[in-house]
Amino acid sequence: MAERPDQLWVADFTYVSTWQGFVYVAFIIDVFAGCIVGWRVSSSMETTFVLDALEQALWARRPSGTVHHSDKGSQYVSLAYTQRLKEAGLLASTGSTGDSYDNAMAESINGLYKAEVIHRKSWKNRAEVELATLTWVDWYNNRRLLERLGHTPPAEAEKLIMLPSETMIWQPEFTDKTLSRKPGAVQ
């Protein structure tokens, strides 16, 4: 687990069947609150598609010293991807071969995405999947209430932790995480 935003990111991609063939959807997730910080939909599994998701995350967050964890897929261990991680000051971490538990949070986001978006209908093409993904990521980050965050959306949980400590109380126990704003409260 992560104690603050941009401490640990996890990355993975999944497949989506459309009438025009498969498309691929990559996500980069900040482990702290589960915020999706980068994503991309592509009709190709080439490294450039996961690099695009990484670039989006880097542009949005501008992290330093972040651990970037992924599986050992060829896109994530490619020279271009690992070089970009190094240039950006991210520390590359890869999991065990064939062990989905090693990248469980990324796999979990893929599962939610498929259950809540993809398996609900047939998809015509990449553009249709891309629009649905954009809508879902916005909803997930800004409106989905997560129990582990005290029924707070990921983006709001990140904002709350960044407030000065005298304006916020955070009790980070995994069984009962709560966020509350109380003037004069001490963290």
C-alpha atoms as a PDB file:
ATOM      1  CA  MET A   1       0.000   0.000   0.000  1.00  0.00           C
ATOM      2  CA  ALA A   2       0.994   3.615  -0.390  1.00  0.00           C
ATOM      3  CA  GLU A   3       0.995   6.272   2.331  1.00  0.00           C
ATOM      4  CA  ARG A   4       0.672   9.241  -0.033  1.00  0.00           C
ATOM      5  CA  PRO A   5      -0.255  10.024  -3.643  1.00  0.00           C
ATOM      6  CA  ASP A   6       2.393   9.321  -6.288  1.00  0.00           C
ATOM      7  CA  GLN A   7       4.315   6.908  -4.094  1.00  0.00           C
ATOM      8  CA  LEU A   8       3.260   3.805  -6.054  1.00  0.00           C
ATOM      9  CA  TRP A   9       1.598   3.435  -9.448  1.00  0.00           C
ATOM     10  CA  VAL A  10       0.439   0.147 -10.969  1.00  0.00           C
ATOM     11  CA  ALA A  11      -0.128  -0.424 -14.678  1.00  0.00           C
ATOM     12  CA  ASP A  12      -1.845  -3.007 -16.833  1.00  0.00           C
ATOM     13  CA  PHE A  13      -3.996  -3.304 -19.918  1.00  0.00           C
ATOM     14  CA  THR A  14      -6.956  -5.382 -20.981  1.00  0.00           C
ATOM     15  CA  TYR A  15      -8.633  -6.501 -24.202  1.00  0.00           C
ATOM     16  CA  VAL A  16     -12.068  -5.438 -25.464  1.00  0.00           C
ATOM     17  CA  SER A  17     -13.870  -7.157 -28.329  1.00  0.00           C
ATOM     18  CA  THR A  18     -15.564  -4.861 -30.869  1.00  0.00           C
ATOM     19  CA  TRP A  19     -17.331  -5.474 -34.185  1.00  0.00           C
ATOM     20  CA  GLN A  20     -14.121  -4.339 -35.877  1.00  0.00           C
ATOM     21  CA  GLY A  21     -11.787  -6.565 -33.845  1.00  0.00           C
ATOM     22  CA  PHE A  22     -10.017  -6.219 -30.526  1.00  0.00           C
ATOM     23  CA  VAL A  23      -9.026  -2.938 -28.934  1.00  0.00           C
ATOM     24  CA  TYR A  24      -6.768  -2.594 -25.912  1.00  0.00           C
ATOM     25  CA  VAL A  25      -7.261  -0.388 -22.875  1.00  0.00           C
ATOM     26  CA  ALA A  26      -4.331   0.554 -20.622  1.00  0.00           C
ATOM     27  CA  PHE A  27      -4.680   2.023 -17.142  1.00  0.00           C
ATOM     28  CA  ILE A  28      -2.159   3.514 -14.716  1.00  0.00           C
ATOM     29  CA  ILE A  29      -3.478   3.690 -11.158  1.00  0.00           C
ATOM     30  CA  ASP A  30      -2.135   5.563  -8.147  1.00  0.00           C
ATOM     31  CA  VAL A  31      -2.333   2.993  -5.356  1.00  0.00           C
ATOM     32  CA  PHE A  32      -2.829   5.519  -2.541  1.00  0.00           C
ATOM     33  CA  ALA A  33      -6.510   6.257  -3.256  1.00  0.00           C
ATOM     34  CA  GLY A  34      -6.978   4.187  -6.403  1.00  0.00           C
ATOM     35  CA  CYS A  35      -7.126   7.183  -8.741  1.00  0.00           C
ATOM     36  CA  ILE A  36      -6.716   6.371 -12.440  1.00  0.00           C
ATOM     37  CA  VAL A  37      -3.944   8.782 -13.447  1.00  0.00           C
ATOM     38  CA  GLY A  38      -3.416   7.645 -17.031  1.00  0.00           C
ATOM     39  CA  TRP A  39      -5.279   5.589 -19.603  1.00  0.00           C
ATOM     40  CA  ARG A  40      -5.343   4.923 -23.325  1.00  0.00           C
ATOM     41  CA  VAL A  41      -7.458   2.960 -25.822  1.00  0.00           C
ATOM     42  CA  SER A  42      -5.732   1.582 -28.918  1.00  0.00           C
ATOM     43  CA  SER A  43      -6.336  -0.803 -31.785  1.00  0.00           C
ATOM     44  CA  SER A  44      -2.714  -1.960 -31.453  1.00  0.00           C
ATOM     45  CA  MET A  45      -0.795  -3.596 -28.615  1.00  0.00           C
ATOM     46  CA  GLU A  46       2.416  -1.838 -29.575  1.00  0.00           C
ATOM     47  CA  THR A  47       4.474  -0.222 -26.831  1.00  0.00           C
ATOM     48  CA  THR A  48       3.418   3.264 -27.938  1.00  0.00           C
ATOM     49  CA  PHE A  49      -0.076   2.700 -26.561  1.00  0.00           C
ATOM     50  CA  VAL A  50       1.075   2.037 -22.985  1.00  0.00           C
ATOM     51  CA  LEU A  51       3.612   4.843 -23.387  1.00  0.00           C
ATOM     52  CA  ASP A  52       0.711   7.187 -24.209  1.00  0.00           C
ATOM     53  CA  ALA A  53      -1.025   6.204 -20.954  1.00  0.00           C
ATOM     54  CA  LEU A  54       2.246   6.826 -19.099  1.00  0.00           C
ATOM     55  CA  GLU A  55       2.681  10.239 -20.742  1.00  0.00           C
ATOM     56  CA  GLN A  56      -0.834  11.212 -19.679  1.00  0.00           C
ATOM     57  CA  ALA A  57      -0.064  10.205 -16.085  1.00  0.00           C
ATOM     58  CA  LEU A  58       3.265  12.048 -16.107  1.00  0.00           C
ATOM     59  CA  TRP A  59       1.671  15.197 -17.508  1.00  0.00           C
ATOM     60  CA  ALA A  60      -1.168  15.103 -14.977  1.00  0.00           C
ATOM     61  CA  ARG A  61       0.922  14.318 -11.899  1.00  0.00           C
ATOM     62  CA  ARG A  62       4.584  15.257 -12.513  1.00  0.00           C
ATOM     63  CA  PRO A  63       5.799  12.714  -9.943  1.00  0.00           C
ATOM     64  CA  SER A  64       9.307  12.154  -8.648  1.00  0.00           C
ATOM     65  CA  GLY A  65      10.630   8.934  -7.171  1.00  0.00           C
ATOM     66  CA  THR A  66       7.353   7.099  -7.806  1.00  0.00           C
ATOM     67  CA  VAL A  67       7.553   3.305  -8.002  1.00  0.00           C
ATOM     68  CA  HIS A  68       5.878   2.109 -11.222  1.00  0.00           C
ATOM     69  CA  HIS A  69       4.771  -1.535 -10.953  1.00  0.00           C
ATOM     70  CA  SER A  70       3.551  -3.672 -13.843  1.00  0.00           C
ATOM     71  CA  ASP A  71       3.555  -7.223 -15.040  1.00  0.00           C
ATOM     72  CA  LYS A  72       6.325  -8.472 -17.320  1.00  0.00           C
ATOM     73  CA  GLY A  73       4.361  -7.866 -20.511  1.00  0.00           C
ATOM     74  CA  SER A  74       6.572  -7.031 -23.473  1.00  0.00           C
ATOM     75  CA  GLN A  75       5.206  -3.471 -23.624  1.00  0.00           C
ATOM     76  CA  TYR A  76       6.189  -2.724 -20.015  1.00  0.00           C
ATOM     77  CA  VAL A  77       9.668  -4.246 -20.186  1.00  0.00           C
ATOM     78  CA  SER A  78      10.488  -2.765 -23.592  1.00  0.00           C
ATOM     79  CA  LEU A  79      13.510  -0.512 -23.927  1.00  0.00           C
ATOM     80  CA  ALA A  80      11.343   2.486 -24.891  1.00  0.00           C
ATOM     81  CA  TYR A  81       9.074   2.108 -21.845  1.00  0.00           C
ATOM     82  CA  THR A  82      11.796   1.450 -19.273  1.00  0.00           C
ATOM     83  CA  GLN A  83      13.865   4.317 -20.678  1.00  0.00           C
ATOM     84  CA  ARG A  84      10.914   6.690 -20.350  1.00  0.00           C
ATOM     85  CA  LEU A  85      10.377   5.600 -16.746  1.00  0.00           C
ATOM     86  CA  LYS A  86      14.033   6.329 -16.019  1.00  0.00           C
ATOM     87  CA  GLU A  87      13.920   9.733 -17.769  1.00  0.00           C
ATOM     88  CA  ALA A  88      10.848  10.673 -15.720  1.00  0.00           C
ATOM     89  CA  GLY A  89      12.506   9.650 -12.444  1.00  0.00           C
ATOM     90  CA  LEU A  90      10.183   6.691 -11.841  1.00  0.00           C
ATOM     91  CA  LEU A  91      11.474   3.436 -10.380  1.00  0.00           C
ATOM     92  CA  ALA A  92      10.474   0.388 -12.441  1.00  0.00           C
ATOM     93  CA  SER A  93       9.136  -2.689 -10.668  1.00  0.00           C
ATOM     94  CA  THR A  94       7.809  -5.833 -12.345  1.00  0.00           C
ATOM     95  CA  GLY A  95       5.959  -8.765 -10.912  1.00  0.00           C
ATOM     96  CA  SER A  96       6.418 -12.489 -11.147  1.00  0.00           C
ATOM     97  CA  THR A  97       5.705 -14.099 -14.489  1.00  0.00           C
ATOM     98  CA  GLY A  98       2.120 -15.349 -14.699  1.00  0.00           C
ATOM     99  CA  ASP A  99       1.116 -14.157 -11.207  1.00  0.00           C
ATOM    100  CA  SER A 100      -1.955 -11.916 -11.441  1.00  0.00           C
ATOM    101  CA  TYR A 101      -1.951 -11.428  -7.646  1.00  0.00           C
ATOM    102  CA  ASP A 102       1.344  -9.596  -7.980  1.00  0.00           C
ATOM    103  CA  ASN A 103      -0.435  -6.731  -9.751  1.00  0.00           C
ATOM    104  CA  ALA A 104      -3.775  -7.180  -8.003  1.00  0.00           C
ATOM    105  CA  MET A 105      -4.898  -3.546  -7.899  1.00  0.00           C
ATOM    106  CA  ALA A 106      -4.418  -3.088 -11.653  1.00  0.00           C
ATOM    107  CA  GLU A 107      -6.187  -6.393 -12.309  1.00  0.00           C
ATOM    108  CA  SER A 108      -9.008  -5.274 -10.010  1.00  0.00           C
ATOM    109  CA  ILE A 109      -9.489  -2.018 -11.943  1.00  0.00           C
ATOM    110  CA  ASN A 110      -9.566  -4.009 -15.191  1.00  0.00           C
ATOM    111  CA  GLY A 111     -12.238  -6.262 -13.685  1.00  0.00           C
ATOM    112  CA  LEU A 112     -14.369  -3.344 -12.487  1.00  0.00           C
ATOM    113  CA  TYR A 113     -14.041  -1.633 -15.862  1.00  0.00           C
ATOM    114  CA  LYS A 114     -15.154  -4.743 -17.712  1.00  0.00           C
ATOM    115  CA  ALA A 115     -18.054  -5.439 -15.323  1.00  0.00           C
ATOM    116  CA  GLU A 116     -19.295  -1.851 -15.185  1.00  0.00           C
ATOM    117  CA  VAL A 117     -18.704  -0.824 -18.809  1.00  0.00           C
ATOM    118  CA  ILE A 118     -17.576  -3.448 -21.287  1.00  0.00           C
ATOM    119  CA  HIS A 119     -19.793  -6.455 -20.508  1.00  0.00           C
ATOM    120  CA  ARG A 120     -22.977  -4.351 -20.584  1.00  0.00           C
ATOM    121  CA  LYS A 121     -23.213  -4.109 -24.386  1.00  0.00           C
ATOM    122  CA  SER A 122     -21.623  -4.866 -27.744  1.00  0.00           C
ATOM    123  CA  TRP A 123     -19.067  -2.354 -28.986  1.00  0.00           C
ATOM    124  CA  LYS A 124     -18.894  -1.160 -32.591  1.00  0.00           C
ATOM    125  CA  ASN A 125     -15.375   0.238 -32.695  1.00  0.00           C
ATOM    126  CA  ARG A 126     -12.439   1.805 -30.868  1.00  0.00           C
ATOM    127  CA  ALA A 127     -14.000   5.284 -30.808  1.00  0.00           C
ATOM    128  CA  GLU A 128     -17.079   3.977 -28.998  1.00  0.00           C
ATOM    129  CA  VAL A 129     -14.930   2.184 -26.397  1.00  0.00           C
ATOM    130  CA  GLU A 130     -12.767   5.289 -25.990  1.00  0.00           C
ATOM    131  CA  LEU A 131     -15.749   7.549 -25.250  1.00  0.00           C
ATOM    132  CA  ALA A 132     -17.197   5.055 -22.763  1.00  0.00           C
ATOM    133  CA  THR A 133     -13.778   4.724 -21.097  1.00  0.00           C
ATOM    134  CA  LEU A 134     -13.389   8.498 -20.796  1.00  0.00           C
ATOM    135  CA  THR A 135     -16.817   8.741 -19.156  1.00  0.00           C
ATOM    136  CA  TRP A 136     -16.136   5.835 -16.786  1.00  0.00           C
ATOM    137  CA  VAL A 137     -12.688   7.081 -15.695  1.00  0.00           C
ATOM    138  CA  ASP A 138     -14.151  10.497 -14.884  1.00  0.00           C
ATOM    139  CA  TRP A 139     -16.985   8.882 -12.909  1.00  0.00           C
ATOM    140  CA  TYR A 140     -14.642   6.448 -11.139  1.00  0.00           C
ATOM    141  CA  ASN A 141     -12.147   9.123 -10.075  1.00  0.00           C
ATOM    142  CA  ASN A 142     -14.626  11.846  -9.118  1.00  0.00           C
ATOM    143  CA  ARG A 143     -17.920  10.255  -8.115  1.00  0.00           C
ATOM    144  CA  ARG A 144     -17.487   6.590  -7.225  1.00  0.00           C
ATOM    145  CA  LEU A 145     -17.639   6.174  -3.440  1.00  0.00           C
ATOM    146  CA  LEU A 146     -15.026   3.742  -2.166  1.00  0.00           C
ATOM    147  CA  GLU A 147     -15.629   2.112   1.196  1.00  0.00           C
ATOM    148  CA  ARG A 148     -11.910   1.856   2.000  1.00  0.00           C
ATOM    149  CA  LEU A 149     -11.724   5.661   1.647  1.00  0.00           C
ATOM    150  CA  GLY A 150     -14.620   6.329   4.006  1.00  0.00           C
ATOM    151  CA  HIS A 151     -17.143   6.404   1.141  1.00  0.00           C
ATOM    152  CA  THR A 152     -15.148   9.126  -0.621  1.00  0.00           C
ATOM    153  CA  PRO A 153     -14.214   9.257  -4.334  1.00  0.00           C
ATOM    154  CA  PRO A 154     -10.500   8.708  -5.083  1.00  0.00           C
ATOM    155  CA  ALA A 155      -9.822  12.255  -6.348  1.00  0.00           C
ATOM    156  CA  GLU A 156     -11.451  13.778  -3.266  1.00  0.00           C
ATOM    157  CA  ALA A 157      -9.493  11.470  -0.946  1.00  0.00           C
ATOM    158  CA  GLU A 158      -6.260  12.648  -2.557  1.00  0.00           C
ATOM    159  CA  LYS A 159      -7.247  16.292  -2.142  1.00  0.00           C
ATOM    160  CA  LEU A 160      -8.115  15.729   1.517  1.00  0.00           C
ATOM    161  CA  ILE A 161      -4.758  14.157   2.336  1.00  0.00           C
ATOM    162  CA  MET A 162      -2.991  17.114   0.734  1.00  0.00           C
ATOM    163  CA  LEU A 163      -4.735  19.635   3.031  1.00  0.00           C
ATOM    164  CA  PRO A 164      -2.730  21.053   5.937  1.00  0.00           C
ATOM    165  CA  SER A 165      -2.855  18.613   8.836  1.00  0.00           C
ATOM    166  CA  GLU A 166      -4.732  21.023  11.096  1.00  0.00           C
ATOM    167  CA  THR A 167      -7.769  20.929   8.790  1.00  0.00           C
ATOM    168  CA  MET A 168      -8.112  17.190   8.372  1.00  0.00           C
ATOM    169  CA  ILE A 169      -8.209  13.940  10.275  1.00  0.00           C
ATOM    170  CA  TRP A 170      -7.330  10.729   8.473  1.00  0.00           C
ATOM    171  CA  GLN A 171      -7.496   7.382  10.199  1.00  0.00           C
ATOM    172  CA  PRO A 172      -5.828   5.018   7.717  1.00  0.00           C
ATOM    173  CA  GLU A 173      -6.811   1.657   9.207  1.00  0.00           C
ATOM    174  CA  PHE A 174      -7.737  -0.681   6.361  1.00  0.00           C
ATOM    175  CA  THR A 175     -10.865  -1.894   8.125  1.00  0.00           C
ATOM    176  CA  ASP A 176     -12.250   1.564   8.900  1.00  0.00           C
ATOM    177  CA  LYS A 177     -10.694   4.360   6.853  1.00  0.00           C
ATOM    178  CA  THR A 178     -12.412   7.632   7.400  1.00  0.00           C
ATOM    179  CA  LEU A 179     -11.835  11.091   6.089  1.00  0.00           C
ATOM    180  CA  SER A 180     -13.305  14.121   7.737  1.00  0.00           C
ATOM    181  CA  ARG A 181     -12.770  17.842   7.643  1.00  0.00           C
ATOM    182  CA  LYS A 182     -12.790  19.406  11.066  1.00  0.00           C
ATOM    183  CA  PRO A 183     -11.447  22.909  11.590  1.00  0.00           C
ATOM    184  CA  GLY A 184      -8.668  22.859  14.136  1.00  0.00           C
ATOM    185  CA  ALA A 185      -8.357  19.062  14.125  1.00  0.00           C
ATOM    186  CA  VAL A 186      -4.911  17.539  14.452  1.00  0.00           C
ATOM    187  CA  GLN A 187      -3.855  14.627  12.262  1.00  0.00           C
END
